[in-house]
């Protein structure tokens, strides 16, 4: 049986590179499962609980949605935001189902089409958008405000409708549909910005919001004289 880890050359404190045992999350979980010590038992019980919950969610997808709501709520998101996020996931799934049926390859081609929708909607690719919001590995949509989510949903829903209406087949035709759907959302965004004289796109994100709240909470009030 192959080990749960691989060796990679990592830089040490002496500025030299040495082969170091490394593992991804899946590998770390398997290492925990293989530990005979009683001290690892709480972790094993937690893994068993998570596995059981996953099986429940496969049998009843509504449980997954309920659990997702609870997680977002625990992080401080509003009910209104959570409903939009869940709706956005459903719209996204509907679109990717269409792409699969129309000979668009998952992975690179999905990413390109998503980028086309985003560029036409917001003027930014997803990676550019993440840089704009100072995000790294975080999920971009988990850091969008209400309006950003709404226009993301509009762009993907419009793309789905165009794809079906034109019966787009293959990557090139679906790219045209993605650009068209994104343009519809982009024009709507620009119209709103003109009417309100406010930008929809915001640098604000959940991380900066939490950091701001944390700093407020740690400010010590001045002592009374």
C-alpha atoms as a PDB file:
ATOM      1  CA  UNK A   1       0.000   0.000   0.000  1.00  0.00           C
ATOM      2  CA  UNK A   2       1.375   3.414  -0.943  1.00  0.00           C
ATOM      3  CA  UNK A   3       1.937   5.894   1.934  1.00  0.00           C
ATOM      4  CA  UNK A   4      -0.587   8.624   2.684  1.00  0.00           C
ATOM      5  CA  UNK A   5       2.076  11.286   2.145  1.00  0.00           C
ATOM      6  CA  UNK A   6       4.638  12.392  -0.434  1.00  0.00           C
ATOM      7  CA  UNK A   7       8.031  13.997  -0.037  1.00  0.00           C
ATOM      8  CA  UNK A   8       8.510  17.525  -1.335  1.00  0.00           C
ATOM      9  CA  UNK A   9      11.546  19.783  -1.146  1.00  0.00           C
ATOM     10  CA  UNK A  10      10.715  22.585   1.291  1.00  0.00           C
ATOM     11  CA  UNK A  11      12.856  25.517   2.367  1.00  0.00           C
ATOM     12  CA  UNK A  12      14.216  25.268   5.899  1.00  0.00           C
ATOM     13  CA  UNK A  13      15.359  27.947   8.362  1.00  0.00           C
ATOM     14  CA  UNK A  14      18.926  27.593   7.017  1.00  0.00           C
ATOM     15  CA  UNK A  15      17.603  28.600   3.551  1.00  0.00           C
ATOM     16  CA  UNK A  16      18.346  25.132   2.173  1.00  0.00           C
ATOM     17  CA  UNK A  17      15.764  22.768   0.689  1.00  0.00           C
ATOM     18  CA  UNK A  18      15.145  19.348   2.240  1.00  0.00           C
ATOM     19  CA  UNK A  19      12.815  16.484   1.397  1.00  0.00           C
ATOM     20  CA  UNK A  20       9.872  16.782   3.788  1.00  0.00           C
ATOM     21  CA  UNK A  21       6.892  14.486   4.383  1.00  0.00           C
ATOM     22  CA  UNK A  22       3.726  16.273   3.164  1.00  0.00           C
ATOM     23  CA  UNK A  23       0.085  15.269   2.848  1.00  0.00           C
ATOM     24  CA  UNK A  24      -3.108  16.784   1.487  1.00  0.00           C
ATOM     25  CA  UNK A  25      -6.294  16.955   3.565  1.00  0.00           C
ATOM     26  CA  UNK A  26      -7.430  13.501   2.445  1.00  0.00           C
ATOM     27  CA  UNK A  27      -4.016  12.081   3.359  1.00  0.00           C
ATOM     28  CA  UNK A  28      -4.062  13.739   6.783  1.00  0.00           C
ATOM     29  CA  UNK A  29      -7.461  12.198   7.518  1.00  0.00           C
ATOM     30  CA  UNK A  30      -6.171   8.764   6.538  1.00  0.00           C
ATOM     31  CA  UNK A  31      -3.116   9.247   8.770  1.00  0.00           C
ATOM     32  CA  UNK A  32      -5.420  10.092  11.689  1.00  0.00           C
ATOM     33  CA  UNK A  33      -7.457   6.934  11.004  1.00  0.00           C
ATOM     34  CA  UNK A  34      -4.296   4.823  11.086  1.00  0.00           C
ATOM     35  CA  UNK A  35      -3.043   6.126  14.462  1.00  0.00           C
ATOM     36  CA  UNK A  36      -3.476   3.408  17.162  1.00  0.00           C
ATOM     37  CA  UNK A  37      -3.250   5.855  20.088  1.00  0.00           C
ATOM     38  CA  UNK A  38      -6.357   6.490  22.220  1.00  0.00           C
ATOM     39  CA  UNK A  39      -5.584  10.207  21.950  1.00  0.00           C
ATOM     40  CA  UNK A  40      -6.627  10.046  18.285  1.00  0.00           C
ATOM     41  CA  UNK A  41     -10.060   8.623  19.183  1.00  0.00           C
ATOM     42  CA  UNK A  42     -11.862  12.044  19.336  1.00  0.00           C
ATOM     43  CA  UNK A  43     -10.632  12.828  15.813  1.00  0.00           C
ATOM     44  CA  UNK A  44     -11.734   9.397  14.568  1.00  0.00           C
ATOM     45  CA  UNK A  45     -15.176   9.904  16.098  1.00  0.00           C
ATOM     46  CA  UNK A  46     -15.425  13.306  14.400  1.00  0.00           C
ATOM     47  CA  UNK A  47     -14.457  11.782  11.035  1.00  0.00           C
ATOM     48  CA  UNK A  48     -17.086   9.061  11.519  1.00  0.00           C
ATOM     49  CA  UNK A  49     -19.706  11.710  12.325  1.00  0.00           C
ATOM     50  CA  UNK A  50     -18.824  13.752   9.217  1.00  0.00           C
ATOM     51  CA  UNK A  51     -18.918  10.604   7.067  1.00  0.00           C
ATOM     52  CA  UNK A  52     -22.316   9.634   8.468  1.00  0.00           C
ATOM     53  CA  UNK A  53     -23.697  13.131   7.796  1.00  0.00           C
ATOM     54  CA  UNK A  54     -22.395  12.963   4.216  1.00  0.00           C
ATOM     55  CA  UNK A  55     -24.212   9.647   3.645  1.00  0.00           C
ATOM     56  CA  UNK A  56     -27.402  11.230   5.047  1.00  0.00           C
ATOM     57  CA  UNK A  57     -27.034  14.166   2.643  1.00  0.00           C
ATOM     58  CA  UNK A  58     -26.657  11.824  -0.334  1.00  0.00           C
ATOM     59  CA  UNK A  59     -29.899  10.085   0.661  1.00  0.00           C
ATOM     60  CA  UNK A  60     -31.683  13.385   1.399  1.00  0.00           C
ATOM     61  CA  UNK A  61     -30.144  16.433  -0.372  1.00  0.00           C
ATOM     62  CA  UNK A  62     -32.375  18.799   1.640  1.00  0.00           C
ATOM     63  CA  UNK A  63     -30.222  18.006   4.675  1.00  0.00           C
ATOM     64  CA  UNK A  64     -27.157  19.325   2.827  1.00  0.00           C
ATOM     65  CA  UNK A  65     -28.936  22.586   2.098  1.00  0.00           C
ATOM     66  CA  UNK A  66     -30.082  22.892   5.709  1.00  0.00           C
ATOM     67  CA  UNK A  67     -26.565  22.235   6.975  1.00  0.00           C
ATOM     68  CA  UNK A  68     -25.145  24.796   4.547  1.00  0.00           C
ATOM     69  CA  UNK A  69     -27.589  27.413   5.851  1.00  0.00           C
ATOM     70  CA  UNK A  70     -26.534  26.657   9.415  1.00  0.00           C
ATOM     71  CA  UNK A  71     -22.841  27.032   8.529  1.00  0.00           C
ATOM     72  CA  UNK A  72     -23.364  30.383   6.783  1.00  0.00           C
ATOM     73  CA  UNK A  73     -25.539  31.605   9.654  1.00  0.00           C
ATOM     74  CA  UNK A  74     -22.878  30.634  12.198  1.00  0.00           C
ATOM     75  CA  UNK A  75     -20.379  32.704  10.205  1.00  0.00           C
ATOM     76  CA  UNK A  76     -22.613  35.760  10.531  1.00  0.00           C
ATOM     77  CA  UNK A  77     -24.305  35.942   7.129  1.00  0.00           C
ATOM     78  CA  UNK A  78     -27.872  37.313   7.006  1.00  0.00           C
ATOM     79  CA  UNK A  79     -30.857  35.128   6.081  1.00  0.00           C
ATOM     80  CA  UNK A  80     -31.465  37.245   2.955  1.00  0.00           C
ATOM     81  CA  UNK A  81     -27.862  36.769   1.796  1.00  0.00           C
ATOM     82  CA  UNK A  82     -28.012  33.028   2.467  1.00  0.00           C
ATOM     83  CA  UNK A  83     -31.179  32.650   0.363  1.00  0.00           C
ATOM     84  CA  UNK A  84     -29.500  34.449  -2.557  1.00  0.00           C
ATOM     85  CA  UNK A  85     -26.393  32.311  -2.214  1.00  0.00           C
ATOM     86  CA  UNK A  86     -28.416  29.104  -2.263  1.00  0.00           C
ATOM     87  CA  UNK A  87     -30.420  30.339  -5.252  1.00  0.00           C
ATOM     88  CA  UNK A  88     -27.165  31.174  -7.000  1.00  0.00           C
ATOM     89  CA  UNK A  89     -25.858  27.646  -6.435  1.00  0.00           C
ATOM     90  CA  UNK A  90     -29.053  26.195  -7.958  1.00  0.00           C
ATOM     91  CA  UNK A  91     -28.772  28.465 -11.015  1.00  0.00           C
ATOM     92  CA  UNK A  92     -25.096  27.565 -11.406  1.00  0.00           C
ATOM     93  CA  UNK A  93     -25.889  23.831 -11.241  1.00  0.00           C
ATOM     94  CA  UNK A  94     -28.607  24.280 -13.872  1.00  0.00           C
ATOM     95  CA  UNK A  95     -26.123  25.979 -16.196  1.00  0.00           C
ATOM     96  CA  UNK A  96     -23.343  23.427 -15.744  1.00  0.00           C
ATOM     97  CA  UNK A  97     -25.843  20.605 -16.367  1.00  0.00           C
ATOM     98  CA  UNK A  98     -26.594  22.240 -19.739  1.00  0.00           C
ATOM     99  CA  UNK A  99     -22.895  22.509 -20.531  1.00  0.00           C
ATOM    100  CA  UNK A 100     -22.354  18.824 -19.802  1.00  0.00           C
ATOM    101  CA  UNK A 101     -25.226  17.868 -22.116  1.00  0.00           C
ATOM    102  CA  UNK A 102     -23.803  20.087 -24.880  1.00  0.00           C
ATOM    103  CA  UNK A 103     -20.297  18.641 -25.113  1.00  0.00           C
ATOM    104  CA  UNK A 104     -18.517  21.258 -23.015  1.00  0.00           C
ATOM    105  CA  UNK A 105     -15.644  19.698 -21.097  1.00  0.00           C
ATOM    106  CA  UNK A 106     -15.475  20.093 -17.337  1.00  0.00           C
ATOM    107  CA  UNK A 107     -12.416  21.792 -15.992  1.00  0.00           C
ATOM    108  CA  UNK A 108     -10.720  24.188 -18.388  1.00  0.00           C
ATOM    109  CA  UNK A 109     -13.695  24.829 -20.700  1.00  0.00           C
ATOM    110  CA  UNK A 110     -16.099  25.334 -17.772  1.00  0.00           C
ATOM    111  CA  UNK A 111     -13.600  27.824 -16.304  1.00  0.00           C
ATOM    112  CA  UNK A 112     -13.292  29.730 -19.596  1.00  0.00           C
ATOM    113  CA  UNK A 113     -17.070  30.025 -20.031  1.00  0.00           C
ATOM    114  CA  UNK A 114     -17.460  31.147 -16.408  1.00  0.00           C
ATOM    115  CA  UNK A 115     -14.770  33.749 -17.019  1.00  0.00           C
ATOM    116  CA  UNK A 116     -16.601  35.019 -20.124  1.00  0.00           C
ATOM    117  CA  UNK A 117     -19.826  35.501 -18.146  1.00  0.00           C
ATOM    118  CA  UNK A 118     -17.968  37.292 -15.354  1.00  0.00           C
ATOM    119  CA  UNK A 119     -16.072  39.591 -17.749  1.00  0.00           C
ATOM    120  CA  UNK A 120     -19.260  40.607 -19.532  1.00  0.00           C
ATOM    121  CA  UNK A 121     -21.178  41.032 -16.260  1.00  0.00           C
ATOM    122  CA  UNK A 122     -18.628  42.814 -14.098  1.00  0.00           C
ATOM    123  CA  UNK A 123     -15.727  43.692 -16.394  1.00  0.00           C
ATOM    124  CA  UNK A 124     -13.507  41.329 -14.403  1.00  0.00           C
ATOM    125  CA  UNK A 125     -12.577  37.664 -14.674  1.00  0.00           C
ATOM    126  CA  UNK A 126     -13.073  35.613 -11.477  1.00  0.00           C
ATOM    127  CA  UNK A 127      -9.331  35.761 -10.730  1.00  0.00           C
ATOM    128  CA  UNK A 128      -9.238  39.527 -11.286  1.00  0.00           C
ATOM    129  CA  UNK A 129     -12.318  39.857  -9.088  1.00  0.00           C
ATOM    130  CA  UNK A 130     -10.631  37.882  -6.289  1.00  0.00           C
ATOM    131  CA  UNK A 131      -7.564  40.120  -6.534  1.00  0.00           C
ATOM    132  CA  UNK A 132      -9.858  43.165  -6.405  1.00  0.00           C
ATOM    133  CA  UNK A 133     -11.363  41.850  -3.168  1.00  0.00           C
ATOM    134  CA  UNK A 134      -7.948  40.793  -1.788  1.00  0.00           C
ATOM    135  CA  UNK A 135      -8.957  37.135  -1.684  1.00  0.00           C
ATOM    136  CA  UNK A 136      -6.654  34.143  -2.120  1.00  0.00           C
ATOM    137  CA  UNK A 137      -8.107  30.625  -1.949  1.00  0.00           C
ATOM    138  CA  UNK A 138     -11.477  31.780  -0.634  1.00  0.00           C
ATOM    139  CA  UNK A 139     -14.650  31.239  -2.654  1.00  0.00           C
ATOM    140  CA  UNK A 140     -15.401  34.485  -4.521  1.00  0.00           C
ATOM    141  CA  UNK A 141     -19.192  34.286  -4.246  1.00  0.00           C
ATOM    142  CA  UNK A 142     -18.948  33.723  -0.521  1.00  0.00           C
ATOM    143  CA  UNK A 143     -17.553  37.249  -0.359  1.00  0.00           C
ATOM    144  CA  UNK A 144     -19.996  39.046  -2.664  1.00  0.00           C
ATOM    145  CA  UNK A 145     -22.613  41.484  -1.403  1.00  0.00           C
ATOM    146  CA  UNK A 146     -26.319  41.167  -2.255  1.00  0.00           C
ATOM    147  CA  UNK A 147     -26.142  43.055  -5.562  1.00  0.00           C
ATOM    148  CA  UNK A 148     -23.014  41.248  -6.722  1.00  0.00           C
ATOM    149  CA  UNK A 149     -24.754  37.930  -6.077  1.00  0.00           C
ATOM    150  CA  UNK A 150     -27.905  39.082  -7.892  1.00  0.00           C
ATOM    151  CA  UNK A 151     -26.017  40.078 -11.041  1.00  0.00           C
ATOM    152  CA  UNK A 152     -23.977  36.855 -10.939  1.00  0.00           C
ATOM    153  CA  UNK A 153     -27.246  34.918 -10.844  1.00  0.00           C
ATOM    154  CA  UNK A 154     -28.692  37.012 -13.690  1.00  0.00           C
ATOM    155  CA  UNK A 155     -25.634  36.430 -15.883  1.00  0.00           C
ATOM    156  CA  UNK A 156     -25.725  32.672 -15.444  1.00  0.00           C
ATOM    157  CA  UNK A 157     -29.512  32.372 -15.707  1.00  0.00           C
ATOM    158  CA  UNK A 158     -29.518  34.453 -18.908  1.00  0.00           C
ATOM    159  CA  UNK A 159     -26.733  32.247 -20.288  1.00  0.00           C
ATOM    160  CA  UNK A 160     -28.791  29.134 -19.554  1.00  0.00           C
ATOM    161  CA  UNK A 161     -31.816  30.559 -21.380  1.00  0.00           C
ATOM    162  CA  UNK A 162     -29.755  31.612 -24.415  1.00  0.00           C
ATOM    163  CA  UNK A 163     -28.031  28.220 -24.481  1.00  0.00           C
ATOM    164  CA  UNK A 164     -31.358  26.400 -24.551  1.00  0.00           C
ATOM    165  CA  UNK A 165     -33.076  28.763 -26.993  1.00  0.00           C
ATOM    166  CA  UNK A 166     -30.221  28.605 -29.509  1.00  0.00           C
ATOM    167  CA  UNK A 167     -29.523  24.935 -28.750  1.00  0.00           C
ATOM    168  CA  UNK A 168     -25.826  25.776 -28.444  1.00  0.00           C
ATOM    169  CA  UNK A 169     -23.555  22.793 -29.030  1.00  0.00           C
ATOM    170  CA  UNK A 170     -19.873  22.501 -28.290  1.00  0.00           C
ATOM    171  CA  UNK A 171     -17.485  24.963 -26.739  1.00  0.00           C
ATOM    172  CA  UNK A 172     -17.557  27.754 -29.336  1.00  0.00           C
ATOM    173  CA  UNK A 173     -21.355  28.083 -29.506  1.00  0.00           C
ATOM    174  CA  UNK A 174     -21.605  27.957 -25.717  1.00  0.00           C
ATOM    175  CA  UNK A 175     -18.928  30.631 -25.466  1.00  0.00           C
ATOM    176  CA  UNK A 176     -21.113  32.922 -27.586  1.00  0.00           C
ATOM    177  CA  UNK A 177     -24.058  32.146 -25.279  1.00  0.00           C
ATOM    178  CA  UNK A 178     -21.942  32.879 -22.197  1.00  0.00           C
ATOM    179  CA  UNK A 179     -20.890  36.231 -23.597  1.00  0.00           C
ATOM    180  CA  UNK A 180     -24.507  37.032 -24.456  1.00  0.00           C
ATOM    181  CA  UNK A 181     -25.784  36.111 -20.999  1.00  0.00           C
ATOM    182  CA  UNK A 182     -23.025  38.117 -19.365  1.00  0.00           C
ATOM    183  CA  UNK A 183     -23.816  41.153 -21.542  1.00  0.00           C
ATOM    184  CA  UNK A 184     -27.439  41.110 -20.391  1.00  0.00           C
ATOM    185  CA  UNK A 185     -26.345  41.153 -16.742  1.00  0.00           C
ATOM    186  CA  UNK A 186     -23.614  43.693 -17.497  1.00  0.00           C
ATOM    187  CA  UNK A 187     -26.051  46.100 -19.169  1.00  0.00           C
ATOM    188  CA  UNK A 188     -28.441  45.768 -16.216  1.00  0.00           C
ATOM    189  CA  UNK A 189     -25.574  46.465 -13.799  1.00  0.00           C
ATOM    190  CA  UNK A 190     -24.503  49.575 -15.738  1.00  0.00           C
ATOM    191  CA  UNK A 191     -28.085  50.852 -15.834  1.00  0.00           C
ATOM    192  CA  UNK A 192     -28.385  50.516 -12.062  1.00  0.00           C
ATOM    193  CA  UNK A 193     -25.038  52.243 -11.537  1.00  0.00           C
ATOM    194  CA  UNK A 194     -26.170  55.134 -13.761  1.00  0.00           C
ATOM    195  CA  UNK A 195     -29.449  55.523 -11.885  1.00  0.00           C
ATOM    196  CA  UNK A 196     -27.909  55.320  -8.411  1.00  0.00           C
ATOM    197  CA  UNK A 197     -24.497  56.796  -9.182  1.00  0.00           C
ATOM    198  CA  UNK A 198     -23.025  53.914  -7.162  1.00  0.00           C
ATOM    199  CA  UNK A 199     -20.774  51.064  -8.206  1.00  0.00           C
ATOM    200  CA  UNK A 200     -22.122  47.537  -7.796  1.00  0.00           C
ATOM    201  CA  UNK A 201     -18.653  46.013  -7.564  1.00  0.00           C
ATOM    202  CA  UNK A 202     -17.187  46.390  -4.093  1.00  0.00           C
ATOM    203  CA  UNK A 203     -13.793  45.687  -2.550  1.00  0.00           C
ATOM    204  CA  UNK A 204     -15.587  44.689   0.656  1.00  0.00           C
ATOM    205  CA  UNK A 205     -15.545  41.012   1.551  1.00  0.00           C
ATOM    206  CA  UNK A 206     -16.437  38.773   4.460  1.00  0.00           C
ATOM    207  CA  UNK A 207     -12.832  38.592   5.674  1.00  0.00           C
ATOM    208  CA  UNK A 208     -12.392  42.376   5.865  1.00  0.00           C
ATOM    209  CA  UNK A 209     -15.821  42.695   7.505  1.00  0.00           C
ATOM    210  CA  UNK A 210     -14.936  40.160  10.190  1.00  0.00           C
ATOM    211  CA  UNK A 211     -11.543  41.785  10.758  1.00  0.00           C
ATOM    212  CA  UNK A 212     -13.227  45.167  11.149  1.00  0.00           C
ATOM    213  CA  UNK A 213     -15.705  43.718  13.660  1.00  0.00           C
ATOM    214  CA  UNK A 214     -12.881  42.005  15.544  1.00  0.00           C
ATOM    215  CA  UNK A 215     -10.948  45.261  15.874  1.00  0.00           C
ATOM    216  CA  UNK A 216     -14.065  47.032  17.133  1.00  0.00           C
ATOM    217  CA  UNK A 217     -14.581  44.320  19.733  1.00  0.00           C
ATOM    218  CA  UNK A 218     -10.991  44.581  20.998  1.00  0.00           C
ATOM    219  CA  UNK A 219     -10.991  48.354  21.446  1.00  0.00           C
ATOM    220  CA  UNK A 220     -10.763  49.100  25.182  1.00  0.00           C
ATOM    221  CA  UNK A 221     -12.942  52.032  26.247  1.00  0.00           C
ATOM    222  CA  UNK A 222     -11.099  54.885  27.970  1.00  0.00           C
ATOM    223  CA  UNK A 223     -11.083  54.865  31.743  1.00  0.00           C
ATOM    224  CA  UNK A 224     -13.190  57.467  33.489  1.00  0.00           C
ATOM    225  CA  UNK A 225     -11.249  60.038  35.445  1.00  0.00           C
END
